[in-house]
Amino acid sequence: EAHHFEIPEFLSNKDEFKIVNCDKLIKS
């Protein structure tokens, strides 16, 4: 939407993933 491209369509599933925690950098 921000750059006026055609909107993609995703399936609502969640297989393998990771959430990268950056608390150490913020604490620095």
mmCIF file of all heavy atoms, coordinates in Angstrom:
data_MODEL
# 
_entry.id   MODEL 
# 
loop_
_atom_site.group_PDB 
_atom_site.id 
_atom_site.type_symbol 
_atom_site.label_atom_id 
_atom_site.label_alt_id 
_atom_site.label_comp_id 
_atom_site.label_asym_id 
_atom_site.label_entity_id 
_atom_site.label_seq_id 
_atom_site.pdbx_PDB_ins_code 
_atom_site.Cartn_x 
_atom_site.Cartn_y 
_atom_site.Cartn_z 
_atom_site.occupancy 
_atom_site.B_iso_or_equiv 
_atom_site.pdbx_formal_charge 
_atom_site.auth_seq_id 
_atom_site.auth_comp_id 
_atom_site.auth_asym_id 
_atom_site.auth_atom_id 
_atom_site.pdbx_PDB_model_num 
ATOM 1   N N   . GLU A 1 1  ? 0.823  -1.207  0.000  1.00 0.00 ? 1  GLU A N   1 
ATOM 2   C CA  . GLU A 1 1  ? 0.000  0.000   0.000  1.00 0.00 ? 1  GLU A CA  1 
ATOM 3   C C   . GLU A 1 1  ? 0.859  1.260   0.000  1.00 0.00 ? 1  GLU A C   1 
ATOM 4   O O   . GLU A 1 1  ? 0.545  2.248   -0.682 1.00 0.00 ? 1  GLU A O   1 
ATOM 5   C CB  . GLU A 1 1  ? -0.931 -0.004  1.212  1.00 0.00 ? 1  GLU A CB  1 
ATOM 6   C CG  . GLU A 1 1  ? -2.028 -1.055  1.133  1.00 0.00 ? 1  GLU A CG  1 
ATOM 7   C CD  . GLU A 1 1  ? -2.853 -1.138  2.410  1.00 0.00 ? 1  GLU A CD  1 
ATOM 8   O OE1 . GLU A 1 1  ? -2.349 -0.675  3.470  1.00 0.00 ? 1  GLU A OE1 1 
ATOM 9   O OE2 . GLU A 1 1  ? -3.981 -1.660  2.350  1.00 0.00 ? 1  GLU A OE2 1 
ATOM 10  N N   . ALA A 1 2  ? 1.967  1.240   0.746  1.00 0.00 ? 2  ALA A N   1 
ATOM 11  C CA  . ALA A 1 2  ? 2.816  2.426   0.868  1.00 0.00 ? 2  ALA A CA  1 
ATOM 12  C C   . ALA A 1 2  ? 3.424  2.840   -0.460 1.00 0.00 ? 2  ALA A C   1 
ATOM 13  O O   . ALA A 1 2  ? 3.641  4.036   -0.710 1.00 0.00 ? 2  ALA A O   1 
ATOM 14  C CB  . ALA A 1 2  ? 3.919  2.164   1.892  1.00 0.00 ? 2  ALA A CB  1 
ATOM 15  N N   . HIS A 1 3  ? 3.683  1.868   -1.333 1.00 0.00 ? 3  HIS A N   1 
ATOM 16  C CA  . HIS A 1 3  ? 4.346  2.186   -2.596 1.00 0.00 ? 3  HIS A CA  1 
ATOM 17  C C   . HIS A 1 3  ? 3.486  1.826   -3.818 1.00 0.00 ? 3  HIS A C   1 
ATOM 18  O O   . HIS A 1 3  ? 3.991  1.710   -4.920 1.00 0.00 ? 3  HIS A O   1 
ATOM 19  C CB  . HIS A 1 3  ? 5.701  1.468   -2.660 1.00 0.00 ? 3  HIS A CB  1 
ATOM 20  C CG  . HIS A 1 3  ? 6.650  1.954   -1.603 1.00 0.00 ? 3  HIS A CG  1 
ATOM 21  N ND1 . HIS A 1 3  ? 6.996  1.186   -0.493 1.00 0.00 ? 3  HIS A ND1 1 
ATOM 22  C CD2 . HIS A 1 3  ? 7.299  3.129   -1.457 1.00 0.00 ? 3  HIS A CD2 1 
ATOM 23  C CE1 . HIS A 1 3  ? 7.822  1.875   0.261  1.00 0.00 ? 3  HIS A CE1 1 
ATOM 24  N NE2 . HIS A 1 3  ? 8.024  3.055   -0.277 1.00 0.00 ? 3  HIS A NE2 1 
ATOM 25  N N   . HIS A 1 4  ? 2.179  1.646   -3.545 1.00 0.00 ? 4  HIS A N   1 
ATOM 26  C CA  . HIS A 1 4  ? 1.189  1.479   -4.621 1.00 0.00 ? 4  HIS A CA  1 
ATOM 27  C C   . HIS A 1 4  ? 1.444  0.240   -5.477 1.00 0.00 ? 4  HIS A C   1 
ATOM 28  O O   . HIS A 1 4  ? 1.298  0.272   -6.706 1.00 0.00 ? 4  HIS A O   1 
ATOM 29  C CB  . HIS A 1 4  ? 1.147  2.744   -5.487 1.00 0.00 ? 4  HIS A CB  1 
ATOM 30  C CG  . HIS A 1 4  ? 0.994  4.005   -4.698 1.00 0.00 ? 4  HIS A CG  1 
ATOM 31  N ND1 . HIS A 1 4  ? -0.160 4.328   -4.019 1.00 0.00 ? 4  HIS A ND1 1 
ATOM 32  C CD2 . HIS A 1 4  ? 1.872  5.023   -4.451 1.00 0.00 ? 4  HIS A CD2 1 
ATOM 33  C CE1 . HIS A 1 4  ? -0.004 5.482   -3.405 1.00 0.00 ? 4  HIS A CE1 1 
ATOM 34  N NE2 . HIS A 1 4  ? 1.222  5.915   -3.637 1.00 0.00 ? 4  HIS A NE2 1 
ATOM 35  N N   . PHE A 1 5  ? 1.810  -0.855  -4.821 1.00 0.00 ? 5  PHE A N   1 
ATOM 36  C CA  . PHE A 1 5  ? 1.902  -2.145  -5.485 1.00 0.00 ? 5  PHE A CA  1 
ATOM 37  C C   . PHE A 1 5  ? 0.595  -2.904  -5.258 1.00 0.00 ? 5  PHE A C   1 
ATOM 38  O O   . PHE A 1 5  ? -0.161 -2.593  -4.327 1.00 0.00 ? 5  PHE A O   1 
ATOM 39  C CB  . PHE A 1 5  ? 3.068  -2.974  -4.941 1.00 0.00 ? 5  PHE A CB  1 
ATOM 40  C CG  . PHE A 1 5  ? 4.420  -2.378  -5.217 1.00 0.00 ? 5  PHE A CG  1 
ATOM 41  C CD1 . PHE A 1 5  ? 5.212  -1.899  -4.178 1.00 0.00 ? 5  PHE A CD1 1 
ATOM 42  C CD2 . PHE A 1 5  ? 4.919  -2.299  -6.512 1.00 0.00 ? 5  PHE A CD2 1 
ATOM 43  C CE1 . PHE A 1 5  ? 6.461  -1.353  -4.421 1.00 0.00 ? 5  PHE A CE1 1 
ATOM 44  C CE2 . PHE A 1 5  ? 6.172  -1.759  -6.767 1.00 0.00 ? 5  PHE A CE2 1 
ATOM 45  C CZ  . PHE A 1 5  ? 6.948  -1.281  -5.722 1.00 0.00 ? 5  PHE A CZ  1 
ATOM 46  N N   . GLU A 1 6  ? 0.361  -3.926  -6.086 1.00 0.00 ? 6  GLU A N   1 
ATOM 47  C CA  . GLU A 1 6  ? -0.825 -4.749  -5.902 1.00 0.00 ? 6  GLU A CA  1 
ATOM 48  C C   . GLU A 1 6  ? -0.704 -5.524  -4.589 1.00 0.00 ? 6  GLU A C   1 
ATOM 49  O O   . GLU A 1 6  ? 0.352  -6.070  -4.271 1.00 0.00 ? 6  GLU A O   1 
ATOM 50  C CB  . GLU A 1 6  ? -0.985 -5.729  -7.069 1.00 0.00 ? 6  GLU A CB  1 
ATOM 51  C CG  . GLU A 1 6  ? -2.286 -6.521  -7.030 1.00 0.00 ? 6  GLU A CG  1 
ATOM 52  C CD  . GLU A 1 6  ? -2.446 -7.436  -8.227 1.00 0.00 ? 6  GLU A CD  1 
ATOM 53  O OE1 . GLU A 1 6  ? -1.624 -7.334  -9.165 1.00 0.00 ? 6  GLU A OE1 1 
ATOM 54  O OE2 . GLU A 1 6  ? -3.388 -8.260  -8.217 1.00 0.00 ? 6  GLU A OE2 1 
ATOM 55  N N   . ILE A 1 7  ? -1.797 -5.577  -3.819 1.00 0.00 ? 7  ILE A N   1 
ATOM 56  C CA  . ILE A 1 7  ? -1.763 -6.199  -2.494 1.00 0.00 ? 7  ILE A CA  1 
ATOM 57  C C   . ILE A 1 7  ? -1.600 -7.714  -2.617 1.00 0.00 ? 7  ILE A C   1 
ATOM 58  O O   . ILE A 1 7  ? -2.356 -8.373  -3.343 1.00 0.00 ? 7  ILE A O   1 
ATOM 59  C CB  . ILE A 1 7  ? -3.064 -5.889  -1.713 1.00 0.00 ? 7  ILE A CB  1 
ATOM 60  C CG1 . ILE A 1 7  ? -3.296 -4.374  -1.645 1.00 0.00 ? 7  ILE A CG1 1 
ATOM 61  C CG2 . ILE A 1 7  ? -2.982 -6.490  -0.313 1.00 0.00 ? 7  ILE A CG2 1 
ATOM 62  C CD1 . ILE A 1 7  ? -2.221 -3.602  -0.945 1.00 0.00 ? 7  ILE A CD1 1 
ATOM 63  N N   . PRO A 1 8  ? -0.622 -8.306  -1.930 1.00 0.00 ? 8  PRO A N   1 
ATOM 64  C CA  . PRO A 1 8  ? -0.475 -9.765  -1.945 1.00 0.00 ? 8  PRO A CA  1 
ATOM 65  C C   . PRO A 1 8  ? -1.485 -10.419 -1.010 1.00 0.00 ? 8  PRO A C   1 
ATOM 66  O O   . PRO A 1 8  ? -2.016 -9.765  -0.099 1.00 0.00 ? 8  PRO A O   1 
ATOM 67  C CB  . PRO A 1 8  ? 0.955  -9.977  -1.443 1.00 0.00 ? 8  PRO A CB  1 
ATOM 68  C CG  . PRO A 1 8  ? 1.189  -8.813  -0.524 1.00 0.00 ? 8  PRO A CG  1 
ATOM 69  C CD  . PRO A 1 8  ? 0.429  -7.652  -1.126 1.00 0.00 ? 8  PRO A CD  1 
ATOM 70  N N   . GLU A 1 9  ? -1.735 -11.697 -1.218 1.00 0.00 ? 9  GLU A N   1 
ATOM 71  C CA  . GLU A 1 9  ? -2.649 -12.445 -0.364 1.00 0.00 ? 9  GLU A CA  1 
ATOM 72  C C   . GLU A 1 9  ? -1.901 -13.605 0.287  1.00 0.00 ? 9  GLU A C   1 
ATOM 73  O O   . GLU A 1 9  ? -1.290 -14.421 -0.403 1.00 0.00 ? 9  GLU A O   1 
ATOM 74  C CB  . GLU A 1 9  ? -3.839 -12.963 -1.177 1.00 0.00 ? 9  GLU A CB  1 
ATOM 75  C CG  . GLU A 1 9  ? -4.729 -11.856 -1.725 1.00 0.00 ? 9  GLU A CG  1 
ATOM 76  C CD  . GLU A 1 9  ? -5.902 -12.399 -2.513 1.00 0.00 ? 9  GLU A CD  1 
ATOM 77  O OE1 . GLU A 1 9  ? -6.096 -13.634 -2.525 1.00 0.00 ? 9  GLU A OE1 1 
ATOM 78  O OE2 . GLU A 1 9  ? -6.626 -11.586 -3.132 1.00 0.00 ? 9  GLU A OE2 1 
ATOM 79  N N   . PHE A 1 10 ? -1.977 -13.647 1.611  1.00 0.00 ? 10 PHE A N   1 
ATOM 80  C CA  . PHE A 1 10 ? -1.271 -14.671 2.381  1.00 0.00 ? 10 PHE A CA  1 
ATOM 81  C C   . PHE A 1 10 ? -2.245 -15.656 3.017  1.00 0.00 ? 10 PHE A C   1 
ATOM 82  O O   . PHE A 1 10 ? -3.366 -15.289 3.385  1.00 0.00 ? 10 PHE A O   1 
ATOM 83  C CB  . PHE A 1 10 ? -0.448 -14.024 3.502  1.00 0.00 ? 10 PHE A CB  1 
ATOM 84  C CG  . PHE A 1 10 ? 0.810  -13.346 3.047  1.00 0.00 ? 10 PHE A CG  1 
ATOM 85  C CD1 . PHE A 1 10 ? 0.784  -12.038 2.596  1.00 0.00 ? 10 PHE A CD1 1 
ATOM 86  C CD2 . PHE A 1 10 ? 2.021  -14.018 3.063  1.00 0.00 ? 10 PHE A CD2 1 
ATOM 87  C CE1 . PHE A 1 10 ? 1.936  -11.397 2.183  1.00 0.00 ? 10 PHE A CE1 1 
ATOM 88  C CE2 . PHE A 1 10 ? 3.189  -13.397 2.657  1.00 0.00 ? 10 PHE A CE2 1 
ATOM 89  C CZ  . PHE A 1 10 ? 3.150  -12.085 2.211  1.00 0.00 ? 10 PHE A CZ  1 
ATOM 90  N N   . LEU A 1 11 ? -1.799 -16.881 3.164  1.00 0.00 ? 11 LEU A N   1 
ATOM 91  C CA  . LEU A 1 11 ? -2.528 -17.867 3.949  1.00 0.00 ? 11 LEU A CA  1 
ATOM 92  C C   . LEU A 1 11 ? -2.234 -17.627 5.428  1.00 0.00 ? 11 LEU A C   1 
ATOM 93  O O   . LEU A 1 11 ? -1.132 -17.247 5.802  1.00 0.00 ? 11 LEU A O   1 
ATOM 94  C CB  . LEU A 1 11 ? -2.091 -19.286 3.556  1.00 0.00 ? 11 LEU A CB  1 
ATOM 95  C CG  . LEU A 1 11 ? -2.287 -19.664 2.090  1.00 0.00 ? 11 LEU A CG  1 
ATOM 96  C CD1 . LEU A 1 11 ? -1.682 -21.047 1.827  1.00 0.00 ? 11 LEU A CD1 1 
ATOM 97  C CD2 . LEU A 1 11 ? -3.764 -19.642 1.720  1.00 0.00 ? 11 LEU A CD2 1 
ATOM 98  N N   . SER A 1 12 ? -3.224 -17.845 6.258  1.00 0.00 ? 12 SER A N   1 
ATOM 99  C CA  . SER A 1 12 ? -3.058 -17.588 7.693  1.00 0.00 ? 12 SER A CA  1 
ATOM 100 C C   . SER A 1 12 ? -2.477 -18.811 8.405  1.00 0.00 ? 12 SER A C   1 
ATOM 101 O O   . SER A 1 12 ? -3.127 -19.425 9.263  1.00 0.00 ? 12 SER A O   1 
ATOM 102 C CB  . SER A 1 12 ? -4.399 -17.182 8.318  1.00 0.00 ? 12 SER A CB  1 
ATOM 103 O OG  . SER A 1 12 ? -4.834 -15.949 7.800  1.00 0.00 ? 12 SER A OG  1 
ATOM 104 N N   . ASN A 1 13 ? -1.258 -19.149 8.044  1.00 0.00 ? 13 ASN A N   1 
ATOM 105 C CA  . ASN A 1 13 ? -0.601 -20.257 8.737  1.00 0.00 ? 13 ASN A CA  1 
ATOM 106 C C   . ASN A 1 13 ? 0.739  -19.779 9.270  1.00 0.00 ? 13 ASN A C   1 
ATOM 107 O O   . ASN A 1 13 ? 1.236  -18.704 8.927  1.00 0.00 ? 13 ASN A O   1 
ATOM 108 C CB  . ASN A 1 13 ? -0.409 -21.463 7.804  1.00 0.00 ? 13 ASN A CB  1 
ATOM 109 C CG  . ASN A 1 13 ? 0.556  -21.156 6.675  1.00 0.00 ? 13 ASN A CG  1 
ATOM 110 O OD1 . ASN A 1 13 ? 0.537  -20.074 6.104  1.00 0.00 ? 13 ASN A OD1 1 
ATOM 111 N ND2 . ASN A 1 13 ? 1.407  -22.117 6.354  1.00 0.00 ? 13 ASN A ND2 1 
ATOM 112 N N   . LYS A 1 14 ? 1.318  -20.556 10.150 1.00 0.00 ? 14 LYS A N   1 
ATOM 113 C CA  . LYS A 1 14 ? 2.592  -20.188 10.766 1.00 0.00 ? 14 LYS A CA  1 
ATOM 114 C C   . LYS A 1 14 ? 3.381  -21.463 11.004 1.00 0.00 ? 14 LYS A C   1 
ATOM 115 O O   . LYS A 1 14 ? 3.198  -22.150 12.004 1.00 0.00 ? 14 LYS A O   1 
ATOM 116 C CB  . LYS A 1 14 ? 2.360  -19.423 12.076 1.00 0.00 ? 14 LYS A CB  1 
ATOM 117 C CG  . LYS A 1 14 ? 3.637  -18.935 12.737 1.00 0.00 ? 14 LYS A CG  1 
ATOM 118 C CD  . LYS A 1 14 ? 3.373  -17.894 13.818 1.00 0.00 ? 14 LYS A CD  1 
ATOM 119 C CE  . LYS A 1 14 ? 2.531  -18.411 14.957 1.00 0.00 ? 14 LYS A CE  1 
ATOM 120 N NZ  . LYS A 1 14 ? 2.390  -17.417 16.050 1.00 0.00 ? 14 LYS A NZ  1 
ATOM 121 N N   . ASP A 1 15 ? 4.259  -21.785 10.053 1.00 0.00 ? 15 ASP A N   1 
ATOM 122 C CA  . ASP A 1 15 ? 5.073  -22.993 10.190 1.00 0.00 ? 15 ASP A CA  1 
ATOM 123 C C   . ASP A 1 15 ? 6.299  -22.668 11.031 1.00 0.00 ? 15 ASP A C   1 
ATOM 124 O O   . ASP A 1 15 ? 6.175  -22.255 12.168 1.00 0.00 ? 15 ASP A O   1 
ATOM 125 C CB  . ASP A 1 15 ? 5.456  -23.526 8.803  1.00 0.00 ? 15 ASP A CB  1 
ATOM 126 C CG  . ASP A 1 15 ? 4.248  -24.040 8.038  1.00 0.00 ? 15 ASP A CG  1 
ATOM 127 O OD1 . ASP A 1 15 ? 3.273  -24.439 8.693  1.00 0.00 ? 15 ASP A OD1 1 
ATOM 128 O OD2 . ASP A 1 15 ? 4.282  -24.043 6.799  1.00 0.00 ? 15 ASP A OD2 1 
ATOM 129 N N   . GLU A 1 16 ? 7.476  -22.828 10.495 1.00 0.00 ? 16 GLU A N   1 
ATOM 130 C CA  . GLU A 1 16 ? 8.686  -22.545 11.259 1.00 0.00 ? 16 GLU A CA  1 
ATOM 131 C C   . GLU A 1 16 ? 8.988  -21.047 11.250 1.00 0.00 ? 16 GLU A C   1 
ATOM 132 O O   . GLU A 1 16 ? 8.871  -20.385 10.231 1.00 0.00 ? 16 GLU A O   1 
ATOM 133 C CB  . GLU A 1 16 ? 9.862  -23.316 10.666 1.00 0.00 ? 16 GLU A CB  1 
ATOM 134 C CG  . GLU A 1 16 ? 9.697  -24.835 10.782 1.00 0.00 ? 16 GLU A CG  1 
ATOM 135 C CD  . GLU A 1 16 ? 10.898 -25.573 10.240 1.00 0.00 ? 16 GLU A CD  1 
ATOM 136 O OE1 . GLU A 1 16 ? 11.656 -24.987 9.450  1.00 0.00 ? 16 GLU A OE1 1 
ATOM 137 O OE2 . GLU A 1 16 ? 11.080 -26.736 10.623 1.00 0.00 ? 16 GLU A OE2 1 
ATOM 138 N N   . PHE A 1 17 ? 9.392  -20.528 12.417 1.00 0.00 ? 17 PHE A N   1 
ATOM 139 C CA  . PHE A 1 17 ? 9.679  -19.099 12.520 1.00 0.00 ? 17 PHE A CA  1 
ATOM 140 C C   . PHE A 1 17 ? 10.582 -18.828 13.710 1.00 0.00 ? 17 PHE A C   1 
ATOM 141 O O   . PHE A 1 17 ? 10.882 -19.713 14.514 1.00 0.00 ? 17 PHE A O   1 
ATOM 142 C CB  . PHE A 1 17 ? 8.379  -18.299 12.659 1.00 0.00 ? 17 PHE A CB  1 
ATOM 143 C CG  . PHE A 1 17 ? 7.674  -18.507 13.977 1.00 0.00 ? 17 PHE A CG  1 
ATOM 144 C CD1 . PHE A 1 17 ? 7.871  -17.633 15.042 1.00 0.00 ? 17 PHE A CD1 1 
ATOM 145 C CD2 . PHE A 1 17 ? 6.824  -19.597 14.176 1.00 0.00 ? 17 PHE A CD2 1 
ATOM 146 C CE1 . PHE A 1 17 ? 7.232  -17.830 16.261 1.00 0.00 ? 17 PHE A CE1 1 
ATOM 147 C CE2 . PHE A 1 17 ? 6.176  -19.793 15.379 1.00 0.00 ? 17 PHE A CE2 1 
ATOM 148 C CZ  . PHE A 1 17 ? 6.379  -18.915 16.434 1.00 0.00 ? 17 PHE A CZ  1 
ATOM 149 N N   . LYS A 1 18 ? 11.009 -17.579 13.827 1.00 0.00 ? 18 LYS A N   1 
ATOM 150 C CA  . LYS A 1 18 ? 11.754 -17.120 14.990 1.00 0.00 ? 18 LYS A CA  1 
ATOM 151 C C   . LYS A 1 18 ? 11.427 -15.650 15.212 1.00 0.00 ? 18 LYS A C   1 
ATOM 152 O O   . LYS A 1 18 ? 11.065 -14.930 14.267 1.00 0.00 ? 18 LYS A O   1 
ATOM 153 C CB  . LYS A 1 18 ? 13.254 -17.298 14.786 1.00 0.00 ? 18 LYS A CB  1 
ATOM 154 C CG  . LYS A 1 18 ? 13.841 -16.492 13.638 1.00 0.00 ? 18 LYS A CG  1 
ATOM 155 C CD  . LYS A 1 18 ? 15.230 -16.954 13.283 1.00 0.00 ? 18 LYS A CD  1 
ATOM 156 C CE  . LYS A 1 18 ? 15.715 -16.286 11.994 1.00 0.00 ? 18 LYS A CE  1 
ATOM 157 N NZ  . LYS A 1 18 ? 16.519 -17.165 11.167 1.00 0.00 ? 18 LYS A NZ  1 
ATOM 158 N N   . ILE A 1 19 ? 11.521 -15.226 16.447 1.00 0.00 ? 19 ILE A N   1 
ATOM 159 C CA  . ILE A 1 19 ? 11.364 -13.818 16.817 1.00 0.00 ? 19 ILE A CA  1 
ATOM 160 C C   . ILE A 1 19 ? 12.688 -13.380 17.425 1.00 0.00 ? 19 ILE A C   1 
ATOM 161 O O   . ILE A 1 19 ? 13.109 -13.916 18.461 1.00 0.00 ? 19 ILE A O   1 
ATOM 162 C CB  . ILE A 1 19 ? 10.224 -13.615 17.823 1.00 0.00 ? 19 ILE A CB  1 
ATOM 163 C CG1 . ILE A 1 19 ? 8.901  -14.128 17.245 1.00 0.00 ? 19 ILE A CG1 1 
ATOM 164 C CG2 . ILE A 1 19 ? 10.110 -12.143 18.206 1.00 0.00 ? 19 ILE A CG2 1 
ATOM 165 C CD1 . ILE A 1 19 ? 7.759  -14.132 18.250 1.00 0.00 ? 19 ILE A CD1 1 
ATOM 166 N N   . VAL A 1 20 ? 13.368 -12.447 16.781 1.00 0.00 ? 20 VAL A N   1 
ATOM 167 C CA  . VAL A 1 20 ? 14.702 -12.056 17.209 1.00 0.00 ? 20 VAL A CA  1 
ATOM 168 C C   . VAL A 1 20 ? 14.608 -11.000 18.314 1.00 0.00 ? 20 VAL A C   1 
ATOM 169 O O   . VAL A 1 20 ? 14.050 -9.915  18.114 1.00 0.00 ? 20 VAL A O   1 
ATOM 170 C CB  . VAL A 1 20 ? 15.526 -11.524 16.031 1.00 0.00 ? 20 VAL A CB  1 
ATOM 171 C CG1 . VAL A 1 20 ? 16.905 -11.070 16.511 1.00 0.00 ? 20 VAL A CG1 1 
ATOM 172 C CG2 . VAL A 1 20 ? 15.670 -12.609 14.957 1.00 0.00 ? 20 VAL A CG2 1 
ATOM 173 N N   . ASN A 1 21 ? 15.127 -11.347 19.476 1.00 0.00 ? 21 ASN A N   1 
ATOM 174 C CA  . ASN A 1 21 ? 15.108 -10.468 20.644 1.00 0.00 ? 21 ASN A CA  1 
ATOM 175 C C   . ASN A 1 21 ? 16.333 -9.555  20.623 1.00 0.00 ? 21 ASN A C   1 
ATOM 176 O O   . ASN A 1 21 ? 17.466 -10.023 20.538 1.00 0.00 ? 21 ASN A O   1 
ATOM 177 C CB  . ASN A 1 21 ? 15.110 -11.324 21.917 1.00 0.00 ? 21 ASN A CB  1 
ATOM 178 C CG  . ASN A 1 21 ? 15.055 -10.499 23.183 1.00 0.00 ? 21 ASN A CG  1 
ATOM 179 O OD1 . ASN A 1 21 ? 15.897 -9.641  23.416 1.00 0.00 ? 21 ASN A OD1 1 
ATOM 180 N ND2 . ASN A 1 21 ? 14.078 -10.764 24.038 1.00 0.00 ? 21 ASN A ND2 1 
ATOM 181 N N   . CYS A 1 22 ? 16.100 -8.240  20.716 1.00 0.00 ? 22 CYS A N   1 
ATOM 182 C CA  . CYS A 1 22 ? 17.185 -7.255  20.672 1.00 0.00 ? 22 CYS A CA  1 
ATOM 183 C C   . CYS A 1 22 ? 17.353 -6.505  21.985 1.00 0.00 ? 22 CYS A C   1 
ATOM 184 O O   . CYS A 1 22 ? 17.904 -5.395  22.024 1.00 0.00 ? 22 CYS A O   1 
ATOM 185 C CB  . CYS A 1 22 ? 16.939 -6.267  19.538 1.00 0.00 ? 22 CYS A CB  1 
ATOM 186 S SG  . CYS A 1 22 ? 16.926 -7.044  17.912 1.00 0.00 ? 22 CYS A SG  1 
ATOM 187 N N   . ASP A 1 23 ? 16.899 -7.118  23.083 1.00 0.00 ? 23 ASP A N   1 
ATOM 188 C CA  . ASP A 1 23 ? 16.976 -6.447  24.385 1.00 0.00 ? 23 ASP A CA  1 
ATOM 189 C C   . ASP A 1 23 ? 18.412 -6.109  24.778 1.00 0.00 ? 23 ASP A C   1 
ATOM 190 O O   . ASP A 1 23 ? 18.679 -5.064  25.397 1.00 0.00 ? 23 ASP A O   1 
ATOM 191 C CB  . ASP A 1 23 ? 16.353 -7.320  25.479 1.00 0.00 ? 23 ASP A CB  1 
ATOM 192 C CG  . ASP A 1 23 ? 14.839 -7.381  25.384 1.00 0.00 ? 23 ASP A CG  1 
ATOM 193 O OD1 . ASP A 1 23 ? 14.259 -6.615  24.583 1.00 0.00 ? 23 ASP A OD1 1 
ATOM 194 O OD2 . ASP A 1 23 ? 14.227 -8.195  26.103 1.00 0.00 ? 23 ASP A OD2 1 
ATOM 195 N N   . LYS A 1 24 ? 19.360 -6.970  24.430 1.00 0.00 ? 24 LYS A N   1 
ATOM 196 C CA  . LYS A 1 24 ? 20.759 -6.726  24.823 1.00 0.00 ? 24 LYS A CA  1 
ATOM 197 C C   . LYS A 1 24 ? 21.265 -5.426  24.203 1.00 0.00 ? 24 LYS A C   1 
ATOM 198 O O   . LYS A 1 24 ? 21.942 -4.626  24.876 1.00 0.00 ? 24 LYS A O   1 
ATOM 199 C CB  . LYS A 1 24 ? 21.636 -7.907  24.407 1.00 0.00 ? 24 LYS A CB  1 
ATOM 200 C CG  . LYS A 1 24 ? 23.101 -7.732  24.794 1.00 0.00 ? 24 LYS A CG  1 
ATOM 201 C CD  . LYS A 1 24 ? 23.940 -8.932  24.378 1.00 0.00 ? 24 LYS A CD  1 
ATOM 202 C CE  . LYS A 1 24 ? 25.413 -8.714  24.723 1.00 0.00 ? 24 LYS A CE  1 
ATOM 203 N NZ  . LYS A 1 24 ? 26.265 -9.846  24.297 1.00 0.00 ? 24 LYS A NZ  1 
ATOM 204 N N   . LEU A 1 25 ? 20.958 -5.210  22.939 1.00 0.00 ? 25 LEU A N   1 
ATOM 205 C CA  . LEU A 1 25 ? 21.386 -3.979  22.268 1.00 0.00 ? 25 LEU A CA  1 
ATOM 206 C C   . LEU A 1 25 ? 20.742 -2.755  22.902 1.00 0.00 ? 25 LEU A C   1 
ATOM 207 O O   . LEU A 1 25 ? 21.402 -1.734  23.138 1.00 0.00 ? 25 LEU A O   1 
ATOM 208 C CB  . LEU A 1 25 ? 21.030 -4.054  20.779 1.00 0.00 ? 25 LEU A CB  1 
ATOM 209 C CG  . LEU A 1 25 ? 21.363 -2.833  19.929 1.00 0.00 ? 25 LEU A CG  1 
ATOM 210 C CD1 . LEU A 1 25 ? 22.853 -2.538  19.947 1.00 0.00 ? 25 LEU A CD1 1 
ATOM 211 C CD2 . LEU A 1 25 ? 20.869 -3.026  18.497 1.00 0.00 ? 25 LEU A CD2 1 
ATOM 212 N N   . ILE A 1 26 ? 19.456 -2.851  23.207 1.00 0.00 ? 26 ILE A N   1 
ATOM 213 C CA  . ILE A 1 26 ? 18.745 -1.725  23.827 1.00 0.00 ? 26 ILE A CA  1 
ATOM 214 C C   . ILE A 1 26 ? 19.324 -1.426  25.208 1.00 0.00 ? 26 ILE A C   1 
ATOM 215 O O   . ILE A 1 26 ? 19.529 -0.263  25.576 1.00 0.00 ? 26 ILE A O   1 
ATOM 216 C CB  . ILE A 1 26 ? 17.236 -2.037  23.904 1.00 0.00 ? 26 ILE A CB  1 
ATOM 217 C CG1 . ILE A 1 26 ? 16.646 -2.129  22.493 1.00 0.00 ? 26 ILE A CG1 1 
ATOM 218 C CG2 . ILE A 1 26 ? 16.499 -0.979  24.720 1.00 0.00 ? 26 ILE A CG2 1 
ATOM 219 C CD1 . ILE A 1 26 ? 15.246 -2.695  22.436 1.00 0.00 ? 26 ILE A CD1 1 
ATOM 220 N N   . LYS A 1 27 ? 19.639 -2.468  25.970 1.00 0.00 ? 27 LYS A N   1 
ATOM 221 C CA  . LYS A 1 27 ? 20.226 -2.280  27.298 1.00 0.00 ? 27 LYS A CA  1 
ATOM 222 C C   . LYS A 1 27 ? 21.621 -1.662  27.232 1.00 0.00 ? 27 LYS A C   1 
ATOM 223 O O   . LYS A 1 27 ? 22.083 -1.052  28.199 1.00 0.00 ? 27 LYS A O   1 
ATOM 224 C CB  . LYS A 1 27 ? 20.266 -3.613  28.047 1.00 0.00 ? 27 LYS A CB  1 
ATOM 225 C CG  . LYS A 1 27 ? 18.893 -4.113  28.482 1.00 0.00 ? 27 LYS A CG  1 
ATOM 226 C CD  . LYS A 1 27 ? 18.965 -5.486  29.131 1.00 0.00 ? 27 LYS A CD  1 
ATOM 227 C CE  . LYS A 1 27 ? 17.581 -5.984  29.516 1.00 0.00 ? 27 LYS A CE  1 
ATOM 228 N NZ  . LYS A 1 27 ? 17.623 -7.362  30.079 1.00 0.00 ? 27 LYS A NZ  1 
ATOM 229 N N   . SER A 1 28 ? 22.289 -1.810  26.084 1.00 0.00 ? 28 SER A N   1 
ATOM 230 C CA  . SER A 1 28 ? 23.612 -1.199  25.920 1.00 0.00 ? 28 SER A CA  1 
ATOM 231 C C   . SER A 1 28 ? 23.519 0.308   25.709 1.00 0.00 ? 28 SER A C   1 
ATOM 232 O O   . SER A 1 28 ? 24.536 1.007   25.707 1.00 0.00 ? 28 SER A O   1 
ATOM 233 C CB  . SER A 1 28 ? 24.353 -1.831  24.737 1.00 0.00 ? 28 SER A CB  1 
ATOM 234 O OG  . SER A 1 28 ? 23.876 -1.313  23.492 1.00 0.00 ? 28 SER A OG  1 
# 
